């Protein structure tokens, strides 16, 4: 004869199991929320870096477009990046004074 085993689960065990399921679900939700926050932080930082780089580029562009910014060409002549003939520092590349080495 085969005996059937009967598993008796008391009310306290049922409650413990239900509480365990709740806490594990809460822990999982907390982990997911933490991950979402980390992703948002990373997106925020990358956006901030993008904005700073864009500001730097805009500043550099405006600086380059101003007549005050001068560069030297390969011959050592001062060349204005945005020259106008009315600019006091206007020089055509290759037609400036050369500096002699001493």
Protein backbone atom coordinates (compact mmCIF):
# COMPACT_ATOMS: atom_id res chain seq x y z
CA UNK A 1 0.00 0.00 0.00
CA UNK A 2 1.16 3.35 -0.94
CA UNK A 3 0.74 6.21 1.42
CA UNK A 4 -0.01 9.63 0.12
CA UNK A 5 1.99 12.32 1.79
CA UNK A 6 0.03 15.31 2.69
CA UNK A 7 1.80 18.62 2.95
CA UNK A 8 0.23 20.89 5.46
CA UNK A 9 1.04 24.55 5.10
CA UNK A 10 0.14 26.59 8.09
CA UNK A 11 -1.17 30.12 7.88
CA UNK A 12 2.09 31.56 9.18
CA UNK A 13 4.03 29.74 6.44
CA UNK A 14 1.64 31.09 3.83
CA UNK A 15 2.13 34.60 5.16
CA UNK A 16 5.91 34.17 5.22
CA UNK A 17 5.87 32.99 1.63
CA UNK A 18 3.66 35.90 0.57
CA UNK A 19 5.92 38.35 2.41
CA UNK A 20 8.99 36.83 0.76
CA UNK A 21 7.38 37.20 -2.66
CA UNK A 22 6.55 40.83 -1.89
CA UNK A 23 10.03 41.67 -0.66
CA UNK A 24 11.74 39.96 -3.58
CA UNK A 25 9.46 41.83 -5.97
CA UNK A 26 10.20 45.10 -4.15
CA UNK A 27 13.94 44.43 -4.31
CA UNK A 28 13.68 43.75 -8.02
CA UNK A 29 11.72 46.97 -8.53
CA UNK A 30 14.30 48.90 -6.49
CA UNK A 31 17.11 47.49 -8.63
CA UNK A 32 15.24 48.47 -11.79
CA UNK A 33 14.62 51.97 -10.43
CA UNK A 34 18.31 52.30 -9.52
CA UNK A 35 19.31 51.24 -13.03
CA UNK A 36 16.86 53.74 -14.56
CA UNK A 37 18.32 56.50 -12.38
CA UNK A 38 21.87 55.57 -13.39
CA UNK A 39 20.89 55.65 -17.07
CA UNK A 40 19.25 59.04 -16.61
CA UNK A 41 22.37 60.35 -14.85
CA UNK A 42 24.56 59.12 -17.70
CA UNK A 43 22.25 60.69 -20.28
CA UNK A 44 22.26 63.93 -18.31
CA UNK A 45 26.06 63.96 -18.11
CA UNK A 46 26.47 63.16 -21.78
CA UNK A 47 24.02 65.96 -22.63
CA UNK A 48 25.97 68.36 -20.38
CA UNK A 49 29.24 67.40 -22.05
CA UNK A 50 27.58 67.86 -25.46
CA UNK A 51 26.35 71.32 -24.44
CA UNK A 52 29.80 72.33 -23.14
CA UNK A 53 31.49 71.15 -26.34
CA UNK A 54 28.90 73.01 -28.40
CA UNK A 55 29.57 76.17 -26.36
CA UNK A 56 33.30 75.77 -26.94
CA UNK A 57 32.76 75.33 -30.67
CA UNK A 58 30.50 78.39 -30.84
CA UNK A 59 33.02 80.47 -28.88
CA UNK A 60 35.83 79.33 -31.14
CA UNK A 61 33.78 80.03 -34.27
CA UNK A 62 32.93 83.54 -33.11
CA UNK A 63 36.55 84.09 -32.14
CA UNK A 64 37.73 82.85 -35.52
CA UNK A 65 35.28 85.11 -37.31
CA UNK A 66 36.46 88.21 -35.48
CA UNK A 67 39.16 90.29 -37.16
CA UNK A 68 41.26 90.26 -34.00
CA UNK A 69 42.21 86.62 -34.42
CA UNK A 70 45.40 86.23 -36.41
CA UNK A 71 47.30 83.22 -37.64
CA UNK A 72 50.65 82.79 -39.28
CA UNK A 73 50.91 80.94 -42.56
CA UNK A 74 53.75 78.58 -43.45
CA UNK A 75 56.00 81.55 -44.38
CA UNK A 76 55.51 83.24 -41.01
CA UNK A 77 53.20 85.93 -42.40
CA UNK A 78 50.30 87.07 -40.27
CA UNK A 79 47.07 86.01 -41.90
CA UNK A 80 43.64 87.09 -40.70
CA UNK A 81 41.07 84.31 -40.92
CA UNK A 82 38.23 86.68 -41.74
CA UNK A 83 40.04 89.52 -43.47
CA UNK A 84 38.42 92.68 -44.69
CA UNK A 85 40.36 95.27 -46.58
CA UNK A 86 39.37 97.89 -44.02
CA UNK A 87 40.96 95.80 -41.28
CA UNK A 88 44.26 97.31 -40.08
CA UNK A 89 45.88 93.88 -39.91
CA UNK A 90 44.75 92.74 -43.36
CA UNK A 91 47.50 90.97 -45.25
CA UNK A 92 47.38 88.77 -48.29
CA UNK A 93 49.08 85.44 -47.61
CA UNK A 94 52.61 85.34 -49.03
CA UNK A 95 52.99 89.13 -49.28
CA UNK A 96 53.92 89.96 -45.68
CA UNK A 97 57.24 90.90 -44.19
CA UNK A 98 59.51 87.99 -43.44
CA UNK A 99 61.24 87.73 -40.09
CA UNK A 100 64.96 87.02 -40.33
CA UNK A 101 66.62 84.64 -37.90
CA UNK A 102 69.47 86.15 -35.90
